[in-house]
PDB file of all heavy atoms in Angstrom:
ATOM      1  N   PRO A   1      81.888 111.479 105.964  1.00  0.00           N
ATOM      2  CA  PRO A   1      82.811 110.923 104.971  1.00  0.00           C
ATOM      3  C   PRO A   1      84.263 111.308 105.261  1.00  0.00           C
ATOM      4  O   PRO A   1      84.537 112.342 105.887  1.00  0.00           O
ATOM      5  CB  PRO A   1      82.332 111.544 103.659  1.00  0.00           C
ATOM      6  CG  PRO A   1      80.915 111.928 103.906  1.00  0.00           C
ATOM      7  CD  PRO A   1      80.850 112.316 105.350  1.00  0.00           C
ATOM      8  N   VAL A   2      85.163 110.466 104.801  1.00  0.00           N
ATOM      9  CA  VAL A   2      86.591 110.705 104.965  1.00  0.00           C
ATOM     10  C   VAL A   2      87.150 111.255 103.657  1.00  0.00           C
ATOM     11  O   VAL A   2      86.952 110.671 102.591  1.00  0.00           O
ATOM     12  CB  VAL A   2      87.339 109.407 105.340  1.00  0.00           C
ATOM     13  CG1 VAL A   2      88.818 109.700 105.558  1.00  0.00           C
ATOM     14  CG2 VAL A   2      86.725 108.769 106.579  1.00  0.00           C
ATOM     15  N   HIS A   3      87.871 112.379 103.741  1.00  0.00           N
ATOM     16  CA  HIS A   3      88.502 112.994 102.581  1.00  0.00           C
ATOM     17  C   HIS A   3      89.927 112.465 102.502  1.00  0.00           C
ATOM     18  O   HIS A   3      90.838 112.975 103.161  1.00  0.00           O
ATOM     19  CB  HIS A   3      88.479 114.523 102.728  1.00  0.00           C
ATOM     20  CG  HIS A   3      89.138 115.243 101.596  1.00  0.00           C
ATOM     21  ND1 HIS A   3      89.383 116.606 101.617  1.00  0.00           N
ATOM     22  CD2 HIS A   3      89.629 114.815 100.403  1.00  0.00           C
ATOM     23  CE1 HIS A   3      89.980 116.970 100.498  1.00  0.00           C
ATOM     24  NE2 HIS A   3      90.151 115.907  99.755  1.00  0.00           N
ATOM     25  N   VAL A   4      90.125 111.443 101.696  1.00  0.00           N
ATOM     26  CA  VAL A   4      91.412 110.752 101.615  1.00  0.00           C
ATOM     27  C   VAL A   4      92.312 111.426 100.579  1.00  0.00           C
ATOM     28  O   VAL A   4      91.894 111.698  99.458  1.00  0.00           O
ATOM     29  CB  VAL A   4      91.198 109.275 101.240  1.00  0.00           C
ATOM     30  CG1 VAL A   4      92.540 108.585 101.008  1.00  0.00           C
ATOM     31  CG2 VAL A   4      90.421 108.553 102.336  1.00  0.00           C
ATOM     32  N   VAL A   5      93.548 111.695 100.982  1.00  0.00           N
ATOM     33  CA  VAL A   5      94.497 112.315 100.053  1.00  0.00           C
ATOM     34  C   VAL A   5      95.775 111.495  99.872  1.00  0.00           C
ATOM     35  O   VAL A   5      96.532 111.739  98.930  1.00  0.00           O
ATOM     36  CB  VAL A   5      94.878 113.743 100.509  1.00  0.00           C
ATOM     37  CG1 VAL A   5      93.653 114.640 100.538  1.00  0.00           C
ATOM     38  CG2 VAL A   5      95.564 113.720 101.877  1.00  0.00           C
ATOM     39  N   ARG A   6      96.020 110.518 100.746  1.00  0.00           N
ATOM     40  CA  ARG A   6      97.271 109.763 100.667  1.00  0.00           C
ATOM     41  C   ARG A   6      97.115 108.432 101.381  1.00  0.00           C
ATOM     42  O   ARG A   6      96.301 108.305 102.301  1.00  0.00           O
ATOM     43  CB  ARG A   6      98.404 110.569 101.324  1.00  0.00           C
ATOM     44  CG  ARG A   6      99.785 109.947 101.201  1.00  0.00           C
ATOM     45  CD  ARG A   6     100.871 110.919 101.679  1.00  0.00           C
ATOM     46  NE  ARG A   6     100.835 111.152 103.115  1.00  0.00           N
ATOM     47  CZ  ARG A   6     101.472 110.372 104.011  1.00  0.00           C
ATOM     48  NH1 ARG A   6     102.170 109.320 103.603  1.00  0.00           N
ATOM     49  NH2 ARG A   6     101.418 110.670 105.299  1.00  0.00           N
ATOM     50  N   GLY A   7      97.864 107.432 100.927  1.00  0.00           N
ATOM     51  CA  GLY A   7      97.885 106.146 101.596  1.00  0.00           C
ATOM     52  C   GLY A   7      99.293 105.597 101.672  1.00  0.00           C
ATOM     53  O   GLY A   7     100.112 105.817 100.776  1.00  0.00           O
ATOM     54  N   GLU A   8      99.579 104.892 102.746  1.00  0.00           N
ATOM     55  CA  GLU A   8     100.883 104.240 102.899  1.00  0.00           C
ATOM     56  C   GLU A   8     100.720 103.044 103.819  1.00  0.00           C
ATOM     57  O   GLU A   8     100.296 103.188 104.972  1.00  0.00           O
ATOM     58  CB  GLU A   8     101.908 105.205 103.476  1.00  0.00           C
ATOM     59  CG  GLU A   8     103.298 104.603 103.597  1.00  0.00           C
ATOM     60  CD  GLU A   8     104.321 105.593 104.135  1.00  0.00           C
ATOM     61  OE1 GLU A   8     104.002 106.792 104.277  1.00  0.00           O
ATOM     62  OE2 GLU A   8     105.457 105.169 104.401  1.00  0.00           O
ATOM     63  N   GLY A   9     101.028 101.856 103.300  1.00  0.00           N
ATOM     64  CA  GLY A   9     100.906 100.655 104.118  1.00  0.00           C
ATOM     65  C   GLY A   9      99.479 100.426 104.574  1.00  0.00           C
ATOM     66  O   GLY A   9      98.546 100.434 103.768  1.00  0.00           O
ATOM     67  N   VAL A  10      99.285 100.246 105.869  1.00  0.00           N
ATOM     68  CA  VAL A  10      97.943  99.972 106.400  1.00  0.00           C
ATOM     69  C   VAL A  10      97.181 101.244 106.742  1.00  0.00           C
ATOM     70  O   VAL A  10      96.083 101.170 107.293  1.00  0.00           O
ATOM     71  CB  VAL A  10      98.022  99.073 107.655  1.00  0.00           C
ATOM     72  CG1 VAL A  10      98.654  97.728 107.327  1.00  0.00           C
ATOM     73  CG2 VAL A  10      98.799  99.761 108.779  1.00  0.00           C
ATOM     74  N   PHE A  11      97.733 102.398 106.390  1.00  0.00           N
ATOM     75  CA  PHE A  11      97.099 103.662 106.782  1.00  0.00           C
ATOM     76  C   PHE A  11      96.661 104.495 105.582  1.00  0.00           C
ATOM     77  O   PHE A  11      97.328 104.528 104.543  1.00  0.00           O
ATOM     78  CB  PHE A  11      98.059 104.503 107.638  1.00  0.00           C
ATOM     79  CG  PHE A  11      98.339 103.896 108.986  1.00  0.00           C
ATOM     80  CD1 PHE A  11      99.506 103.175 109.195  1.00  0.00           C
ATOM     81  CD2 PHE A  11      97.432 104.044 110.034  1.00  0.00           C
ATOM     82  CE1 PHE A  11      99.765 102.610 110.445  1.00  0.00           C
ATOM     83  CE2 PHE A  11      97.686 103.482 111.282  1.00  0.00           C
ATOM     84  CZ  PHE A  11      98.852 102.762 111.481  1.00  0.00           C
ATOM     85  N   LEU A  12      95.521 105.163 105.759  1.00  0.00           N
ATOM     86  CA  LEU A  12      95.078 106.221 104.867  1.00  0.00           C
ATOM     87  C   LEU A  12      95.159 107.533 105.630  1.00  0.00           C
ATOM     88  O   LEU A  12      94.991 107.559 106.857  1.00  0.00           O
ATOM     89  CB  LEU A  12      93.630 105.978 104.409  1.00  0.00           C
ATOM     90  CG  LEU A  12      93.425 104.838 103.409  1.00  0.00           C
ATOM     91  CD1 LEU A  12      91.935 104.547 103.231  1.00  0.00           C
ATOM     92  CD2 LEU A  12      94.067 105.172 102.067  1.00  0.00           C
ATOM     93  N   TYR A  13      95.376 108.627 104.902  1.00  0.00           N
ATOM     94  CA  TYR A  13      95.530 109.936 105.526  1.00  0.00           C
ATOM     95  C   TYR A  13      94.541 110.909 104.910  1.00  0.00           C
ATOM     96  O   TYR A  13      94.356 110.943 103.691  1.00  0.00           O
ATOM     97  CB  TYR A  13      96.963 110.457 105.334  1.00  0.00           C
ATOM     98  CG  TYR A  13      97.996 109.583 106.020  1.00  0.00           C
ATOM     99  CD1 TYR A  13      98.505 108.446 105.386  1.00  0.00           C
ATOM    100  CD2 TYR A  13      98.438 109.879 107.302  1.00  0.00           C
ATOM    101  CE1 TYR A  13      99.429 107.634 106.012  1.00  0.00           C
ATOM    102  CE2 TYR A  13      99.373 109.069 107.940  1.00  0.00           C
ATOM    103  CZ  TYR A  13      99.860 107.952 107.290  1.00  0.00           C
ATOM    104  OH  TYR A  13     100.783 107.132 107.919  1.00  0.00           O
ATOM    105  N   ASP A  14      93.911 111.718 105.792  1.00  0.00           N
ATOM    106  CA  ASP A  14      92.944 112.682 105.277  1.00  0.00           C
ATOM    107  C   ASP A  14      93.618 114.017 104.967  1.00  0.00           C
ATOM    108  O   ASP A  14      94.846 114.175 105.108  1.00  0.00           O
ATOM    109  CB  ASP A  14      91.750 112.830 106.234  1.00  0.00           C
ATOM    110  CG  ASP A  14      92.089 113.524 107.551  1.00  0.00           C
ATOM    111  OD1 ASP A  14      93.178 114.137 107.676  1.00  0.00           O
ATOM    112  OD2 ASP A  14      91.239 113.478 108.466  1.00  0.00           O
ATOM    113  N   ALA A  15      92.820 114.981 104.565  1.00  0.00           N
ATOM    114  CA  ALA A  15      93.358 116.268 104.116  1.00  0.00           C
ATOM    115  C   ALA A  15      94.042 117.033 105.240  1.00  0.00           C
ATOM    116  O   ALA A  15      94.854 117.932 104.979  1.00  0.00           O
ATOM    117  CB  ALA A  15      92.234 117.108 103.518  1.00  0.00           C
ATOM    118  N   ASP A  16      93.724 116.688 106.483  1.00  0.00           N
ATOM    119  CA  ASP A  16      94.367 117.341 107.634  1.00  0.00           C
ATOM    120  C   ASP A  16      95.576 116.564 108.144  1.00  0.00           C
ATOM    121  O   ASP A  16      96.168 116.929 109.161  1.00  0.00           O
ATOM    122  CB  ASP A  16      93.352 117.514 108.770  1.00  0.00           C
ATOM    123  CG  ASP A  16      92.212 118.446 108.388  1.00  0.00           C
ATOM    124  OD1 ASP A  16      92.479 119.461 107.710  1.00  0.00           O
ATOM    125  OD2 ASP A  16      91.060 118.150 108.748  1.00  0.00           O
ATOM    126  N   GLY A  17      95.915 115.471 107.458  1.00  0.00           N
ATOM    127  CA  GLY A  17      97.065 114.675 107.862  1.00  0.00           C
ATOM    128  C   GLY A  17      96.771 113.615 108.897  1.00  0.00           C
ATOM    129  O   GLY A  17      97.681 112.945 109.381  1.00  0.00           O
ATOM    130  N   ARG A  18      95.501 113.428 109.256  1.00  0.00           N
ATOM    131  CA  ARG A  18      95.156 112.417 110.251  1.00  0.00           C
ATOM    132  C   ARG A  18      95.250 111.030 109.640  1.00  0.00           C
ATOM    133  O   ARG A  18      94.778 110.785 108.521  1.00  0.00           O
ATOM    134  CB  ARG A  18      93.740 112.640 110.778  1.00  0.00           C
ATOM    135  CG  ARG A  18      93.388 111.665 111.896  1.00  0.00           C
ATOM    136  CD  ARG A  18      91.948 111.754 112.339  1.00  0.00           C
ATOM    137  NE  ARG A  18      91.717 110.840 113.447  1.00  0.00           N
ATOM    138  CZ  ARG A  18      90.518 110.513 113.911  1.00  0.00           C
ATOM    139  NH1 ARG A  18      89.428 111.058 113.383  1.00  0.00           N
ATOM    140  NH2 ARG A  18      90.390 109.680 114.918  1.00  0.00           N
ATOM    141  N   ALA A  19      95.845 110.096 110.376  1.00  0.00           N
ATOM    142  CA  ALA A  19      95.993 108.720 109.908  1.00  0.00           C
ATOM    143  C   ALA A  19      94.785 107.886 110.320  1.00  0.00           C
ATOM    144  O   ALA A  19      94.284 107.996 111.445  1.00  0.00           O
ATOM    145  CB  ALA A  19      97.266 108.109 110.481  1.00  0.00           C
ATOM    146  N   TYR A  20      94.339 107.026 109.401  1.00  0.00           N
ATOM    147  CA  TYR A  20      93.272 106.061 109.670  1.00  0.00           C
ATOM    148  C   TYR A  20      93.802 104.664 109.394  1.00  0.00           C
ATOM    149  O   TYR A  20      94.336 104.404 108.300  1.00  0.00           O
ATOM    150  CB  TYR A  20      92.058 106.312 108.766  1.00  0.00           C
ATOM    151  CG  TYR A  20      91.349 107.613 109.019  1.00  0.00           C
ATOM    152  CD1 TYR A  20      91.830 108.800 108.462  1.00  0.00           C
ATOM    153  CD2 TYR A  20      90.212 107.671 109.819  1.00  0.00           C
ATOM    154  CE1 TYR A  20      91.182 110.006 108.689  1.00  0.00           C
ATOM    155  CE2 TYR A  20      89.554 108.872 110.042  1.00  0.00           C
ATOM    156  CZ  TYR A  20      90.050 110.036 109.481  1.00  0.00           C
ATOM    157  OH  TYR A  20      89.414 111.227 109.703  1.00  0.00           O
ATOM    158  N   LEU A  21      93.665 103.778 110.360  1.00  0.00           N
ATOM    159  CA  LEU A  21      94.027 102.382 110.154  1.00  0.00           C
ATOM    160  C   LEU A  21      92.989 101.768 109.221  1.00  0.00           C
ATOM    161  O   LEU A  21      91.813 101.669 109.563  1.00  0.00           O
ATOM    162  CB  LEU A  21      94.054 101.634 111.491  1.00  0.00           C
ATOM    163  CG  LEU A  21      94.407 100.146 111.435  1.00  0.00           C
ATOM    164  CD1 LEU A  21      95.846  99.946 110.984  1.00  0.00           C
ATOM    165  CD2 LEU A  21      94.186  99.495 112.802  1.00  0.00           C
ATOM    166  N   ASP A  22      93.416 101.373 108.027  1.00  0.00           N
ATOM    167  CA  ASP A  22      92.483 100.844 107.034  1.00  0.00           C
ATOM    168  C   ASP A  22      92.346  99.340 107.227  1.00  0.00           C
ATOM    169  O   ASP A  22      93.199  98.564 106.800  1.00  0.00           O
ATOM    170  CB  ASP A  22      92.972 101.163 105.627  1.00  0.00           C
ATOM    171  CG  ASP A  22      91.949 100.800 104.561  1.00  0.00           C
ATOM    172  OD1 ASP A  22      90.897 100.225 104.915  1.00  0.00           O
ATOM    173  OD2 ASP A  22      92.200 101.088 103.379  1.00  0.00           O
ATOM    174  N   ALA A  23      91.257  98.942 107.853  1.00  0.00           N
ATOM    175  CA  ALA A  23      90.990  97.526 108.092  1.00  0.00           C
ATOM    176  C   ALA A  23      89.819  97.043 107.253  1.00  0.00           C
ATOM    177  O   ALA A  23      89.133  96.087 107.614  1.00  0.00           O
ATOM    178  CB  ALA A  23      90.717  97.284 109.574  1.00  0.00           C
ATOM    179  N   TYR A  24      89.590  97.705 106.127  1.00  0.00           N
ATOM    180  CA  TYR A  24      88.436  97.358 105.292  1.00  0.00           C
ATOM    181  C   TYR A  24      88.776  97.200 103.816  1.00  0.00           C
ATOM    182  O   TYR A  24      88.213  96.361 103.129  1.00  0.00           O
ATOM    183  CB  TYR A  24      87.345  98.415 105.447  1.00  0.00           C
ATOM    184  CG  TYR A  24      86.131  98.117 104.592  1.00  0.00           C
ATOM    185  CD1 TYR A  24      85.361  96.977 104.841  1.00  0.00           C
ATOM    186  CD2 TYR A  24      85.783  98.925 103.529  1.00  0.00           C
ATOM    187  CE1 TYR A  24      84.269  96.670 104.045  1.00  0.00           C
ATOM    188  CE2 TYR A  24      84.692  98.622 102.730  1.00  0.00           C
ATOM    189  CZ  TYR A  24      83.939  97.490 102.997  1.00  0.00           C
ATOM    190  OH  TYR A  24      82.861  97.191 102.203  1.00  0.00           O
ATOM    191  N   ASN A  25      89.699  97.968 103.316  1.00  0.00           N
ATOM    192  CA  ASN A  25      89.920  98.065 101.869  1.00  0.00           C
ATOM    193  C   ASN A  25      90.782  96.919 101.364  1.00  0.00           C
ATOM    194  O   ASN A  25      92.006  97.003 101.371  1.00  0.00           O
ATOM    195  CB  ASN A  25      90.571  99.414 101.544  1.00  0.00           C
ATOM    196  CG  ASN A  25      90.702  99.665 100.070  1.00  0.00           C
ATOM    197  OD1 ASN A  25      90.441  98.802  99.252  1.00  0.00           O
ATOM    198  ND2 ASN A  25      91.118 100.866  99.724  1.00  0.00           N
ATOM    199  N   ASN A  26      90.140  95.840 100.899  1.00  0.00           N
ATOM    200  CA  ASN A  26      90.914  94.701 100.424  1.00  0.00           C
ATOM    201  C   ASN A  26      91.473  94.908  99.021  1.00  0.00           C
ATOM    202  O   ASN A  26      92.227  94.080  98.522  1.00  0.00           O
ATOM    203  CB  ASN A  26      90.062  93.432 100.439  1.00  0.00           C
ATOM    204  CG  ASN A  26      89.023  93.409  99.337  1.00  0.00           C
ATOM    205  OD1 ASN A  26      88.282  94.380  99.155  1.00  0.00           O
ATOM    206  ND2 ASN A  26      88.933  92.319  98.619  1.00  0.00           N
ATOM    207  N   VAL A  27      91.105  96.008  98.361  1.00  0.00           N
ATOM    208  CA  VAL A  27      91.649  96.284  97.027  1.00  0.00           C
ATOM    209  C   VAL A  27      93.169  96.425  97.103  1.00  0.00           C
ATOM    210  O   VAL A  27      93.904  95.817  96.336  1.00  0.00           O
ATOM    211  CB  VAL A  27      91.006  97.548  96.432  1.00  0.00           C
ATOM    212  CG1 VAL A  27      91.657  97.904  95.107  1.00  0.00           C
ATOM    213  CG2 VAL A  27      89.509  97.348  96.252  1.00  0.00           C
ATOM    214  N   ALA A  28      93.622  97.242  98.044  1.00  0.00           N
ATOM    215  CA  ALA A  28      95.068  97.393  98.268  1.00  0.00           C
ATOM    216  C   ALA A  28      95.528  96.244  99.165  1.00  0.00           C
ATOM    217  O   ALA A  28      95.844  96.414 100.334  1.00  0.00           O
ATOM    218  CB  ALA A  28      95.357  98.741  98.905  1.00  0.00           C
ATOM    219  N   SER A  29      95.582  95.054  98.586  1.00  0.00           N
ATOM    220  CA  SER A  29      95.804  93.844  99.384  1.00  0.00           C
ATOM    221  C   SER A  29      97.160  93.828 100.076  1.00  0.00           C
ATOM    222  O   SER A  29      97.318  93.223 101.130  1.00  0.00           O
ATOM    223  CB  SER A  29      95.666  92.604  98.505  1.00  0.00           C
ATOM    224  OG  SER A  29      96.563  92.673  97.403  1.00  0.00           O
TER     225      SER A  29
END
């Protein structure tokens, strides 16, 4: 699982500050 703590634009960030390209979450359209 991903521990998400922040989001900005097309990226989500985990607790260690790693960026994930979010290509799935259509809620944040």
